[in-house]
């Protein structure tokens, strides 16, 4: 079953900084990898090539998330969502996301 509080913690961390409206989900993902909050913000800001203050600006992040195609709060035709957005996030942040890895393994095992 896994950790029953795992998702609650992730959602609480992500929503505290605006979640997918800003960069809260990205910062929370790095915090789950044992980074402190300030370190996680610096890391994400560096990868996104923005100032740390811009991470909490919903206008800046809306445009940047759409430009990088890493998912936005409202569905936009042709933009990444779901696992596609997660795969782009994994590549951008240089981290492994288990569901993305499992899907890649499954696709690689498919016959011809």
PDB file of N, CA and C in Angstrom:
ATOM      1  N   UNK A   1       0.822  -1.190   0.000  1.00  0.00           N
ATOM      2  CA  UNK A   1       0.000   0.000   0.000  1.00  0.00           C
ATOM      3  C   UNK A   1       0.867   1.256   0.000  1.00  0.00           C
ATOM      4  N   UNK A   2       2.021   1.240   0.595  1.00  0.00           N
ATOM      5  CA  UNK A   2       2.854   2.443   0.623  1.00  0.00           C
ATOM      6  C   UNK A   2       2.551   3.291   1.837  1.00  0.00           C
ATOM      7  N   UNK A   3       3.063   4.470   1.827  1.00  0.00           N
ATOM      8  CA  UNK A   3       2.900   5.404   2.939  1.00  0.00           C
ATOM      9  C   UNK A   3       1.544   6.103   2.826  1.00  0.00           C
ATOM     10  N   UNK A   4       0.619   5.854   3.775  1.00  0.00           N
ATOM     11  CA  UNK A   4      -0.702   6.460   3.674  1.00  0.00           C
ATOM     12  C   UNK A   4      -0.681   7.982   3.830  1.00  0.00           C
ATOM     13  N   UNK A   5       0.354   8.528   4.439  1.00  0.00           N
ATOM     14  CA  UNK A   5       0.438   9.975   4.603  1.00  0.00           C
ATOM     15  C   UNK A   5       1.327  10.623   3.539  1.00  0.00           C
ATOM     16  N   UNK A   6       1.940   9.818   2.705  1.00  0.00           N
ATOM     17  CA  UNK A   6       2.872  10.342   1.710  1.00  0.00           C
ATOM     18  C   UNK A   6       2.259  11.377   0.797  1.00  0.00           C
ATOM     19  N   UNK A   7       1.096  11.115   0.251  1.00  0.00           N
ATOM     20  CA  UNK A   7       0.474  12.074  -0.663  1.00  0.00           C
ATOM     21  C   UNK A   7      -0.045  13.294   0.088  1.00  0.00           C
ATOM     22  N   UNK A   8      -0.521  13.112   1.296  1.00  0.00           N
ATOM     23  CA  UNK A   8      -0.998  14.258   2.069  1.00  0.00           C
ATOM     24  C   UNK A   8       0.132  15.243   2.307  1.00  0.00           C
ATOM     25  N   UNK A   9       1.287  14.716   2.655  1.00  0.00           N
ATOM     26  CA  UNK A   9       2.450  15.564   2.881  1.00  0.00           C
ATOM     27  C   UNK A   9       2.856  16.276   1.595  1.00  0.00           C
ATOM     28  N   UNK A  10       2.900  15.552   0.501  1.00  0.00           N
ATOM     29  CA  UNK A  10       3.268  16.153  -0.782  1.00  0.00           C
ATOM     30  C   UNK A  10       2.304  17.253  -1.171  1.00  0.00           C
ATOM     31  N   UNK A  11       1.018  17.006  -0.998  1.00  0.00           N
ATOM     32  CA  UNK A  11       0.017  18.008  -1.360  1.00  0.00           C
ATOM     33  C   UNK A  11       0.116  19.234  -0.456  1.00  0.00           C
ATOM     34  N   UNK A  12       0.370  19.021   0.816  1.00  0.00           N
ATOM     35  CA  UNK A  12       0.502  20.147   1.746  1.00  0.00           C
ATOM     36  C   UNK A  12       1.711  20.998   1.383  1.00  0.00           C
ATOM     37  N   UNK A  13       2.817  20.360   1.063  1.00  0.00           N
ATOM     38  CA  UNK A  13       4.012  21.103   0.681  1.00  0.00           C
ATOM     39  C   UNK A  13       3.793  21.865  -0.621  1.00  0.00           C
ATOM     40  N   UNK A  14       3.197  21.222  -1.601  1.00  0.00           N
ATOM     41  CA  UNK A  14       2.991  21.858  -2.901  1.00  0.00           C
ATOM     42  C   UNK A  14       1.988  23.003  -2.824  1.00  0.00           C
ATOM     43  N   UNK A  15       0.925  22.827  -2.070  1.00  0.00           N
ATOM     44  CA  UNK A  15      -0.097  23.865  -2.001  1.00  0.00           C
ATOM     45  C   UNK A  15       0.376  25.070  -1.210  1.00  0.00           C
ATOM     46  N   UNK A  16       1.359  24.881  -0.341  1.00  0.00           N
ATOM     47  CA  UNK A  16       1.879  25.987   0.442  1.00  0.00           C
ATOM     48  C   UNK A  16       2.554  27.049  -0.415  1.00  0.00           C
ATOM     49  N   UNK A  17       2.997  26.702  -1.590  1.00  0.00           N
ATOM     50  CA  UNK A  17       3.651  27.658  -2.470  1.00  0.00           C
ATOM     51  C   UNK A  17       2.870  27.827  -3.766  1.00  0.00           C
ATOM     52  N   UNK A  18       1.649  27.417  -3.792  1.00  0.00           N
ATOM     53  CA  UNK A  18       0.825  27.603  -4.970  1.00  0.00           C
ATOM     54  C   UNK A  18       0.735  26.393  -5.879  1.00  0.00           C
ATOM     55  N   UNK A  19       1.419  25.312  -5.533  1.00  0.00           N
ATOM     56  CA  UNK A  19       1.334  24.096  -6.339  1.00  0.00           C
ATOM     57  C   UNK A  19       1.695  24.342  -7.778  1.00  0.00           C
ATOM     58  N   UNK A  20       0.884  23.830  -8.689  1.00  0.00           N
ATOM     59  CA  UNK A  20       1.159  23.943 -10.120  1.00  0.00           C
ATOM     60  C   UNK A  20       0.838  25.352 -10.645  1.00  0.00           C
ATOM     61  N   UNK A  21       0.156  26.184  -9.873  1.00  0.00           N
ATOM     62  CA  UNK A  21      -0.075  27.569 -10.287  1.00  0.00           C
ATOM     63  C   UNK A  21       1.243  28.329 -10.365  1.00  0.00           C
ATOM     64  N   UNK A  22       2.182  27.943  -9.528  1.00  0.00           N
ATOM     65  CA  UNK A  22       3.492  28.590  -9.520  1.00  0.00           C
ATOM     66  C   UNK A  22       4.543  27.497  -9.710  1.00  0.00           C
ATOM     67  N   UNK A  23       5.447  27.359  -8.744  1.00  0.00           N
ATOM     68  CA  UNK A  23       6.462  26.310  -8.831  1.00  0.00           C
ATOM     69  C   UNK A  23       6.458  25.461  -7.574  1.00  0.00           C
ATOM     70  N   UNK A  24       5.384  25.514  -6.807  1.00  0.00           N
ATOM     71  CA  UNK A  24       5.307  24.773  -5.554  1.00  0.00           C
ATOM     72  C   UNK A  24       5.478  23.283  -5.733  1.00  0.00           C
ATOM     73  N   UNK A  25       4.934  22.725  -6.802  1.00  0.00           N
ATOM     74  CA  UNK A  25       5.065  21.285  -7.032  1.00  0.00           C
ATOM     75  C   UNK A  25       6.510  20.913  -7.341  1.00  0.00           C
ATOM     76  N   UNK A  26       7.220  21.782  -8.041  1.00  0.00           N
ATOM     77  CA  UNK A  26       8.611  21.504  -8.384  1.00  0.00           C
ATOM     78  C   UNK A  26       9.505  21.597  -7.142  1.00  0.00           C
ATOM     79  N   UNK A  27       9.268  22.628  -6.336  1.00  0.00           N
ATOM     80  CA  UNK A  27      10.039  22.798  -5.101  1.00  0.00           C
ATOM     81  C   UNK A  27       9.749  21.637  -4.146  1.00  0.00           C
ATOM     82  N   UNK A  28       8.490  21.258  -4.019  1.00  0.00           N
ATOM     83  CA  UNK A  28       8.127  20.141  -3.136  1.00  0.00           C
ATOM     84  C   UNK A  28       8.781  18.845  -3.596  1.00  0.00           C
ATOM     85  N   UNK A  29       8.864  18.644  -4.893  1.00  0.00           N
ATOM     86  CA  UNK A  29       9.507  17.444  -5.428  1.00  0.00           C
ATOM     87  C   UNK A  29      10.970  17.379  -4.990  1.00  0.00           C
ATOM     88  N   UNK A  30      11.637  18.528  -4.967  1.00  0.00           N
ATOM     89  CA  UNK A  30      13.036  18.564  -4.546  1.00  0.00           C
ATOM     90  C   UNK A  30      13.153  18.412  -3.024  1.00  0.00           C
ATOM     91  N   UNK A  31      12.179  18.931  -2.287  1.00  0.00           N
ATOM     92  CA  UNK A  31      12.175  18.756  -0.832  1.00  0.00           C
ATOM     93  C   UNK A  31      12.016  17.278  -0.471  1.00  0.00           C
ATOM     94  N   UNK A  32      11.245  16.561  -1.248  1.00  0.00           N
ATOM     95  CA  UNK A  32      11.076  15.134  -1.002  1.00  0.00           C
ATOM     96  C   UNK A  32      12.376  14.371  -1.250  1.00  0.00           C
ATOM     97  N   UNK A  33      13.312  15.006  -1.931  1.00  0.00           N
ATOM     98  CA  UNK A  33      14.646  14.421  -2.153  1.00  0.00           C
ATOM     99  C   UNK A  33      15.640  14.936  -1.125  1.00  0.00           C
ATOM    100  N   UNK A  34      15.119  15.331   0.026  1.00  0.00           N
ATOM    101  CA  UNK A  34      15.920  15.726   1.197  1.00  0.00           C
ATOM    102  C   UNK A  34      16.580  17.098   1.090  1.00  0.00           C
ATOM    103  N   UNK A  35      16.111  17.959   0.217  1.00  0.00           N
ATOM    104  CA  UNK A  35      16.626  19.325   0.168  1.00  0.00           C
ATOM    105  C   UNK A  35      15.842  20.181   1.142  1.00  0.00           C
ATOM    106  N   UNK A  36      16.513  21.114   1.762  1.00  0.00           N
ATOM    107  CA  UNK A  36      15.839  22.098   2.606  1.00  0.00           C
ATOM    108  C   UNK A  36      15.094  23.059   1.682  1.00  0.00           C
ATOM    109  N   UNK A  37      14.139  23.796   2.235  1.00  0.00           N
ATOM    110  CA  UNK A  37      13.288  24.670   1.420  1.00  0.00           C
ATOM    111  C   UNK A  37      14.109  25.681   0.615  1.00  0.00           C
ATOM    112  N   UNK A  38      15.001  26.405   1.269  1.00  0.00           N
ATOM    113  CA  UNK A  38      15.792  27.419   0.560  1.00  0.00           C
ATOM    114  C   UNK A  38      16.652  26.784  -0.537  1.00  0.00           C
ATOM    115  N   UNK A  39      17.239  25.639  -0.239  1.00  0.00           N
ATOM    116  CA  UNK A  39      18.066  24.929  -1.218  1.00  0.00           C
ATOM    117  C   UNK A  39      17.219  24.459  -2.406  1.00  0.00           C
ATOM    118  N   UNK A  40      16.013  23.952  -2.122  1.00  0.00           N
ATOM    119  CA  UNK A  40      15.118  23.481  -3.177  1.00  0.00           C
ATOM    120  C   UNK A  40      14.686  24.636  -4.077  1.00  0.00           C
ATOM    121  N   UNK A  41      14.380  25.786  -3.476  1.00  0.00           N
ATOM    122  CA  UNK A  41      13.989  26.955  -4.275  1.00  0.00           C
ATOM    123  C   UNK A  41      15.135  27.407  -5.169  1.00  0.00           C
ATOM    124  N   UNK A  42      16.346  27.458  -4.622  1.00  0.00           N
ATOM    125  CA  UNK A  42      17.522  27.854  -5.413  1.00  0.00           C
ATOM    126  C   UNK A  42      17.743  26.889  -6.572  1.00  0.00           C
ATOM    127  N   UNK A  43      17.617  25.593  -6.295  1.00  0.00           N
ATOM    128  CA  UNK A  43      17.832  24.568  -7.321  1.00  0.00           C
ATOM    129  C   UNK A  43      16.827  24.720  -8.458  1.00  0.00           C
ATOM    130  N   UNK A  44      15.549  24.824  -8.095  1.00  0.00           N
ATOM    131  CA  UNK A  44      14.491  24.943  -9.106  1.00  0.00           C
ATOM    132  C   UNK A  44      14.640  26.247  -9.885  1.00  0.00           C
ATOM    133  N   UNK A  45      14.906  27.350  -9.197  1.00  0.00           N
ATOM    134  CA  UNK A  45      15.083  28.635  -9.871  1.00  0.00           C
ATOM    135  C   UNK A  45      16.244  28.561 -10.855  1.00  0.00           C
ATOM    136  N   UNK A  46      17.313  27.896 -10.475  1.00  0.00           N
ATOM    137  CA  UNK A  46      18.454  27.732 -11.367  1.00  0.00           C
ATOM    138  C   UNK A  46      18.093  26.928 -12.604  1.00  0.00           C
ATOM    139  N   UNK A  47      17.368  25.842 -12.410  1.00  0.00           N
ATOM    140  CA  UNK A  47      16.967  25.002 -13.548  1.00  0.00           C
ATOM    141  C   UNK A  47      16.007  25.732 -14.483  1.00  0.00           C
ATOM    142  N   UNK A  48      15.144  26.576 -13.907  1.00  0.00           N
ATOM    143  CA  UNK A  48      14.175  27.316 -14.712  1.00  0.00           C
ATOM    144  C   UNK A  48      14.746  28.617 -15.258  1.00  0.00           C
ATOM    145  N   UNK A  49      15.930  28.997 -14.748  1.00  0.00           N
ATOM    146  CA  UNK A  49      16.596  30.247 -15.156  1.00  0.00           C
ATOM    147  C   UNK A  49      15.748  31.471 -14.824  1.00  0.00           C
ATOM    148  N   UNK A  50      15.226  31.494 -13.588  1.00  0.00           N
ATOM    149  CA  UNK A  50      14.467  32.637 -13.074  1.00  0.00           C
ATOM    150  C   UNK A  50      14.983  32.977 -11.680  1.00  0.00           C
ATOM    151  N   UNK A  51      14.581  34.137 -11.168  1.00  0.00           N
ATOM    152  CA  UNK A  51      14.919  34.517  -9.802  1.00  0.00           C
ATOM    153  C   UNK A  51      14.067  33.702  -8.834  1.00  0.00           C
ATOM    154  N   UNK A  52      14.569  33.492  -7.637  1.00  0.00           N
ATOM    155  CA  UNK A  52      13.821  32.725  -6.628  1.00  0.00           C
ATOM    156  C   UNK A  52      12.465  33.370  -6.372  1.00  0.00           C
ATOM    157  N   UNK A  53      12.403  34.687  -6.350  1.00  0.00           N
ATOM    158  CA  UNK A  53      11.131  35.382  -6.131  1.00  0.00           C
ATOM    159  C   UNK A  53      10.092  35.105  -7.198  1.00  0.00           C
ATOM    160  N   UNK A  54      10.538  34.797  -8.404  1.00  0.00           N
ATOM    161  CA  UNK A  54       9.602  34.507  -9.497  1.00  0.00           C
ATOM    162  C   UNK A  54       8.897  33.159  -9.327  1.00  0.00           C
ATOM    163  N   UNK A  55       9.441  32.286  -8.502  1.00  0.00           N
ATOM    164  CA  UNK A  55       8.839  30.962  -8.312  1.00  0.00           C
ATOM    165  C   UNK A  55       7.432  31.045  -7.733  1.00  0.00           C
ATOM    166  N   UNK A  56       7.149  32.095  -6.979  1.00  0.00           N
ATOM    167  CA  UNK A  56       5.831  32.247  -6.352  1.00  0.00           C
ATOM    168  C   UNK A  56       4.940  33.222  -7.110  1.00  0.00           C
ATOM    169  N   UNK A  57       5.378  33.712  -8.243  1.00  0.00           N
ATOM    170  CA  UNK A  57       4.606  34.650  -9.055  1.00  0.00           C
ATOM    171  C   UNK A  57       3.798  33.860 -10.083  1.00  0.00           C
ATOM    172  N   UNK A  58       2.496  33.834  -9.894  1.00  0.00           N
ATOM    173  CA  UNK A  58       1.657  32.997 -10.751  1.00  0.00           C
ATOM    174  C   UNK A  58       1.649  33.460 -12.207  1.00  0.00           C
ATOM    175  N   UNK A  59       1.817  34.742 -12.461  1.00  0.00           N
ATOM    176  CA  UNK A  59       1.835  35.227 -13.838  1.00  0.00           C
ATOM    177  C   UNK A  59       3.103  34.788 -14.558  1.00  0.00           C
ATOM    178  N   UNK A  60       4.235  34.986 -13.915  1.00  0.00           N
ATOM    179  CA  UNK A  60       5.515  34.578 -14.501  1.00  0.00           C
ATOM    180  C   UNK A  60       5.536  33.070 -14.721  1.00  0.00           C
ATOM    181  N   UNK A  61       5.122  32.327 -13.704  1.00  0.00           N
ATOM    182  CA  UNK A  61       5.196  30.871 -13.790  1.00  0.00           C
ATOM    183  C   UNK A  61       4.191  30.304 -14.790  1.00  0.00           C
ATOM    184  N   UNK A  62       3.042  30.913 -14.941  1.00  0.00           N
ATOM    185  CA  UNK A  62       2.060  30.439 -15.933  1.00  0.00           C
ATOM    186  C   UNK A  62       2.685  30.479 -17.326  1.00  0.00           C
ATOM    187  N   UNK A  63       3.312  31.602 -17.644  1.00  0.00           N
ATOM    188  CA  UNK A  63       3.940  31.750 -18.959  1.00  0.00           C
ATOM    189  C   UNK A  63       5.120  30.795 -19.118  1.00  0.00           C
ATOM    190  N   UNK A  64       5.940  30.684 -18.070  1.00  0.00           N
ATOM    191  CA  UNK A  64       7.116  29.827 -18.140  1.00  0.00           C
ATOM    192  C   UNK A  64       6.734  28.356 -18.231  1.00  0.00           C
ATOM    193  N   UNK A  65       5.747  27.940 -17.441  1.00  0.00           N
ATOM    194  CA  UNK A  65       5.311  26.544 -17.476  1.00  0.00           C
ATOM    195  C   UNK A  65       4.750  26.191 -18.860  1.00  0.00           C
ATOM    196  N   UNK A  66       4.018  27.125 -19.465  1.00  0.00           N
ATOM    197  CA  UNK A  66       3.485  26.883 -20.810  1.00  0.00           C
ATOM    198  C   UNK A  66       4.623  26.826 -21.828  1.00  0.00           C
ATOM    199  N   UNK A  67       5.592  27.730 -21.697  1.00  0.00           N
ATOM    200  CA  UNK A  67       6.732  27.769 -22.618  1.00  0.00           C
ATOM    201  C   UNK A  67       7.573  26.493 -22.519  1.00  0.00           C
ATOM    202  N   UNK A  68       7.805  26.017 -21.279  1.00  0.00           N
ATOM    203  CA  UNK A  68       8.597  24.802 -21.072  1.00  0.00           C
ATOM    204  C   UNK A  68       7.771  23.532 -21.254  1.00  0.00           C
ATOM    205  N   UNK A  69       6.449  23.690 -21.370  1.00  0.00           N
ATOM    206  CA  UNK A  69       5.518  22.576 -21.557  1.00  0.00           C
ATOM    207  C   UNK A  69       5.615  21.571 -20.418  1.00  0.00           C
ATOM    208  N   UNK A  70       5.578  22.103 -19.177  1.00  0.00           N
ATOM    209  CA  UNK A  70       5.652  21.243 -17.990  1.00  0.00           C
ATOM    210  C   UNK A  70       4.347  21.229 -17.198  1.00  0.00           C
ATOM    211  N   UNK A  71       3.270  21.574 -17.835  1.00  0.00           N
ATOM    212  CA  UNK A  71       1.959  21.509 -17.204  1.00  0.00           C
ATOM    213  C   UNK A  71       1.522  22.846 -16.631  1.00  0.00           C
ATOM    214  N   UNK A  72       0.269  23.168 -16.846  1.00  0.00           N
ATOM    215  CA  UNK A  72      -0.343  24.384 -16.300  1.00  0.00           C
ATOM    216  C   UNK A  72      -1.631  23.982 -15.596  1.00  0.00           C
ATOM    217  N   UNK A  73      -2.174  24.901 -14.809  1.00  0.00           N
ATOM    218  CA  UNK A  73      -3.333  24.583 -13.973  1.00  0.00           C
ATOM    219  C   UNK A  73      -4.592  24.307 -14.807  1.00  0.00           C
ATOM    220  N   UNK A  74      -4.747  24.980 -15.939  1.00  0.00           N
ATOM    221  CA  UNK A  74      -5.902  24.736 -16.795  1.00  0.00           C
ATOM    222  C   UNK A  74      -5.437  24.034 -18.064  1.00  0.00           C
ATOM    223  N   UNK A  75      -6.247  23.148 -18.551  1.00  0.00           N
ATOM    224  CA  UNK A  75      -5.880  22.394 -19.750  1.00  0.00           C
ATOM    225  C   UNK A  75      -5.793  23.321 -20.950  1.00  0.00           C
ATOM    226  N   UNK A  76      -4.716  23.191 -21.684  1.00  0.00           N
ATOM    227  CA  UNK A  76      -4.518  23.958 -22.908  1.00  0.00           C
ATOM    228  C   UNK A  76      -4.306  22.943 -24.023  1.00  0.00           C
ATOM    229  N   UNK A  77      -5.109  23.004 -25.080  1.00  0.00           N
ATOM    230  CA  UNK A  77      -4.949  22.036 -26.165  1.00  0.00           C
ATOM    231  C   UNK A  77      -3.519  22.012 -26.696  1.00  0.00           C
ATOM    232  N   UNK A  78      -2.981  20.813 -26.816  1.00  0.00           N
ATOM    233  CA  UNK A  78      -1.639  20.643 -27.343  1.00  0.00           C
ATOM    234  C   UNK A  78      -0.528  20.735 -26.301  1.00  0.00           C
ATOM    235  N   UNK A  79      -0.836  21.174 -25.082  1.00  0.00           N
ATOM    236  CA  UNK A  79       0.185  21.281 -24.027  1.00  0.00           C
ATOM    237  C   UNK A  79       0.230  19.983 -23.222  1.00  0.00           C
ATOM    238  N   UNK A  80       1.413  19.726 -22.673  1.00  0.00           N
ATOM    239  CA  UNK A  80       1.614  18.512 -21.887  1.00  0.00           C
ATOM    240  C   UNK A  80       0.748  18.519 -20.633  1.00  0.00           C
ATOM    241  N   UNK A  81       0.261  17.340 -20.291  1.00  0.00           N
ATOM    242  CA  UNK A  81      -0.459  17.161 -19.028  1.00  0.00           C
ATOM    243  C   UNK A  81      -0.220  15.739 -18.569  1.00  0.00           C
ATOM    244  N   UNK A  82      -0.494  15.475 -17.331  1.00  0.00           N
ATOM    245  CA  UNK A  82      -0.327  14.137 -16.787  1.00  0.00           C
ATOM    246  C   UNK A  82       1.102  13.647 -16.847  1.00  0.00           C
ATOM    247  N   UNK A  83       1.258  12.407 -17.265  1.00  0.00           N
ATOM    248  CA  UNK A  83       2.580  11.773 -17.263  1.00  0.00           C
ATOM    249  C   UNK A  83       3.523  12.429 -18.265  1.00  0.00           C
ATOM    250  N   UNK A  84       2.983  13.012 -19.319  1.00  0.00           N
ATOM    251  CA  UNK A  84       3.821  13.724 -20.284  1.00  0.00           C
ATOM    252  C   UNK A  84       4.491  14.925 -19.613  1.00  0.00           C
ATOM    253  N   UNK A  85       3.726  15.676 -18.831  1.00  0.00           N
ATOM    254  CA  UNK A  85       4.282  16.818 -18.106  1.00  0.00           C
ATOM    255  C   UNK A  85       5.295  16.336 -17.064  1.00  0.00           C
ATOM    256  N   UNK A  86       4.987  15.226 -16.387  1.00  0.00           N
ATOM    257  CA  UNK A  86       5.924  14.686 -15.393  1.00  0.00           C
ATOM    258  C   UNK A  86       7.247  14.277 -16.036  1.00  0.00           C
ATOM    259  N   UNK A  87       7.188  13.709 -17.215  1.00  0.00           N
ATOM    260  CA  UNK A  87       8.412  13.307 -17.907  1.00  0.00           C
ATOM    261  C   UNK A  87       9.252  14.534 -18.241  1.00  0.00           C
ATOM    262  N   UNK A  88       8.599  15.603 -18.657  1.00  0.00           N
ATOM    263  CA  UNK A  88       9.318  16.836 -18.960  1.00  0.00           C
ATOM    264  C   UNK A  88       9.919  17.441 -17.692  1.00  0.00           C
ATOM    265  N   UNK A  89       9.191  17.362 -16.585  1.00  0.00           N
ATOM    266  CA  UNK A  89       9.692  17.865 -15.302  1.00  0.00           C
ATOM    267  C   UNK A  89      10.910  17.058 -14.858  1.00  0.00           C
ATOM    268  N   UNK A  90      10.836  15.740 -14.983  1.00  0.00           N
ATOM    269  CA  UNK A  90      11.960  14.882 -14.604  1.00  0.00           C
ATOM    270  C   UNK A  90      13.213  15.251 -15.386  1.00  0.00           C
ATOM    271  N   UNK A  91      13.049  15.473 -16.672  1.00  0.00           N
ATOM    272  CA  UNK A  91      14.185  15.836 -17.524  1.00  0.00           C
ATOM    273  C   UNK A  91      14.725  17.215 -17.149  1.00  0.00           C
ATOM    274  N   UNK A  92      13.827  18.161 -16.942  1.00  0.00           N
ATOM    275  CA  UNK A  92      14.218  19.530 -16.613  1.00  0.00           C
ATOM    276  C   UNK A  92      14.969  19.613 -15.285  1.00  0.00           C
ATOM    277  N   UNK A  93      14.442  18.919 -14.260  1.00  0.00           N
ATOM    278  CA  UNK A  93      15.052  18.981 -12.934  1.00  0.00           C
ATOM    279  C   UNK A  93      16.198  17.988 -12.760  1.00  0.00           C
ATOM    280  N   UNK A  94      16.332  17.070 -13.694  1.00  0.00           N
ATOM    281  CA  UNK A  94      17.395  16.075 -13.591  1.00  0.00           C
ATOM    282  C   UNK A  94      17.156  15.075 -12.478  1.00  0.00           C
ATOM    283  N   UNK A  95      15.894  14.665 -12.307  1.00  0.00           N
ATOM    284  CA  UNK A  95      15.531  13.704 -11.263  1.00  0.00           C
ATOM    285  C   UNK A  95      14.760  12.542 -11.878  1.00  0.00           C
ATOM    286  N   UNK A  96      14.697  11.462 -11.135  1.00  0.00           N
ATOM    287  CA  UNK A  96      13.893  10.325 -11.569  1.00  0.00           C
ATOM    288  C   UNK A  96      12.522  10.427 -10.918  1.00  0.00           C
ATOM    289  N   UNK A  97      11.488  10.247 -11.710  1.00  0.00           N
ATOM    290  CA  UNK A  97      10.124  10.175 -11.199  1.00  0.00           C
ATOM    291  C   UNK A  97       9.671   8.744 -11.464  1.00  0.00           C
ATOM    292  N   UNK A  98       9.387   7.989 -10.386  1.00  0.00           N
ATOM    293  CA  UNK A  98       9.111   6.560 -10.533  1.00  0.00           C
ATOM    294  C   UNK A  98       8.066   6.195 -11.581  1.00  0.00           C
ATOM    295  N   UNK A  99       6.950   6.898 -11.642  1.00  0.00           N
ATOM    296  CA  UNK A  99       5.914   6.523 -12.614  1.00  0.00           C
ATOM    297  C   UNK A  99       6.392   6.739 -14.045  1.00  0.00           C
ATOM    298  N   UNK A 100       7.222   7.726 -14.270  1.00  0.00           N
ATOM    299  CA  UNK A 100       7.773   7.971 -15.604  1.00  0.00           C
ATOM    300  C   UNK A 100       8.732   6.839 -15.977  1.00  0.00           C
ATOM    301  N   UNK A 101       9.570   6.446 -15.016  1.00  0.00           N
ATOM    302  CA  UNK A 101      10.519   5.356 -15.259  1.00  0.00           C
ATOM    303  C   UNK A 101       9.800   4.042 -15.530  1.00  0.00           C
ATOM    304  N   UNK A 102       8.751   3.762 -14.744  1.00  0.00           N
ATOM    305  CA  UNK A 102       8.000   2.521 -14.940  1.00  0.00           C
ATOM    306  C   UNK A 102       7.329   2.485 -16.308  1.00  0.00           C
ATOM    307  N   UNK A 103       6.780   3.617 -16.736  1.00  0.00           N
ATOM    308  CA  UNK A 103       6.150   3.666 -18.050  1.00  0.00           C
ATOM    309  C   UNK A 103       7.198   3.435 -19.142  1.00  0.00           C
ATOM    310  N   UNK A 104       8.360   4.057 -19.015  1.00  0.00           N
ATOM    311  CA  UNK A 104       9.432   3.875 -20.003  1.00  0.00           C
ATOM    312  C   UNK A 104       9.864   2.408 -20.078  1.00  0.00           C
ATOM    313  N   UNK A 105       9.971   1.762 -18.913  1.00  0.00           N
ATOM    314  CA  UNK A 105      10.327   0.331 -18.891  1.00  0.00           C
ATOM    315  C   UNK A 105       9.258  -0.502 -19.579  1.00  0.00           C
ATOM    316  N   UNK A 106       8.003  -0.213 -19.305  1.00  0.00           N
ATOM    317  CA  UNK A 106       6.891  -0.959 -19.891  1.00  0.00           C
ATOM    318  C   UNK A 106       6.883  -0.804 -21.404  1.00  0.00           C
ATOM    319  N   UNK A 107       7.097   0.409 -21.870  1.00  0.00           N
ATOM    320  CA  UNK A 107       7.111   0.662 -23.315  1.00  0.00           C
ATOM    321  C   UNK A 107       8.285  -0.062 -23.969  1.00  0.00           C
ATOM    322  N   UNK A 108       9.443  -0.066 -23.291  1.00  0.00           N
ATOM    323  CA  UNK A 108      10.632  -0.729 -23.845  1.00  0.00           C
ATOM    324  C   UNK A 108      10.452  -2.240 -23.937  1.00  0.00           C
ATOM    325  N   UNK A 109       9.640  -2.828 -23.050  1.00  0.00           N
ATOM    326  CA  UNK A 109       9.414  -4.273 -23.060  1.00  0.00           C
ATOM    327  C   UNK A 109       8.394  -4.729 -24.091  1.00  0.00           C
ATOM    328  N   UNK A 110       7.654  -3.792 -24.655  1.00  0.00           N
ATOM    329  CA  UNK A 110       6.631  -4.171 -25.634  1.00  0.00           C
ATOM    330  C   UNK A 110       7.279  -4.798 -26.864  1.00  0.00           C
ATOM    331  N   UNK A 111       6.676  -5.861 -27.358  1.00  0.00           N
ATOM    332  CA  UNK A 111       7.227  -6.475 -28.563  1.00  0.00           C
ATOM    333  C   UNK A 111       7.046  -5.571 -29.775  1.00  0.00           C
ATOM    334  N   UNK A 112       8.051  -5.566 -30.645  1.00  0.00           N
ATOM    335  CA  UNK A 112       8.185  -4.922 -31.895  1.00  0.00           C
ATOM    336  C   UNK A 112       7.324  -3.893 -32.354  1.00  0.00           C
TER     337      UNK A 112
END
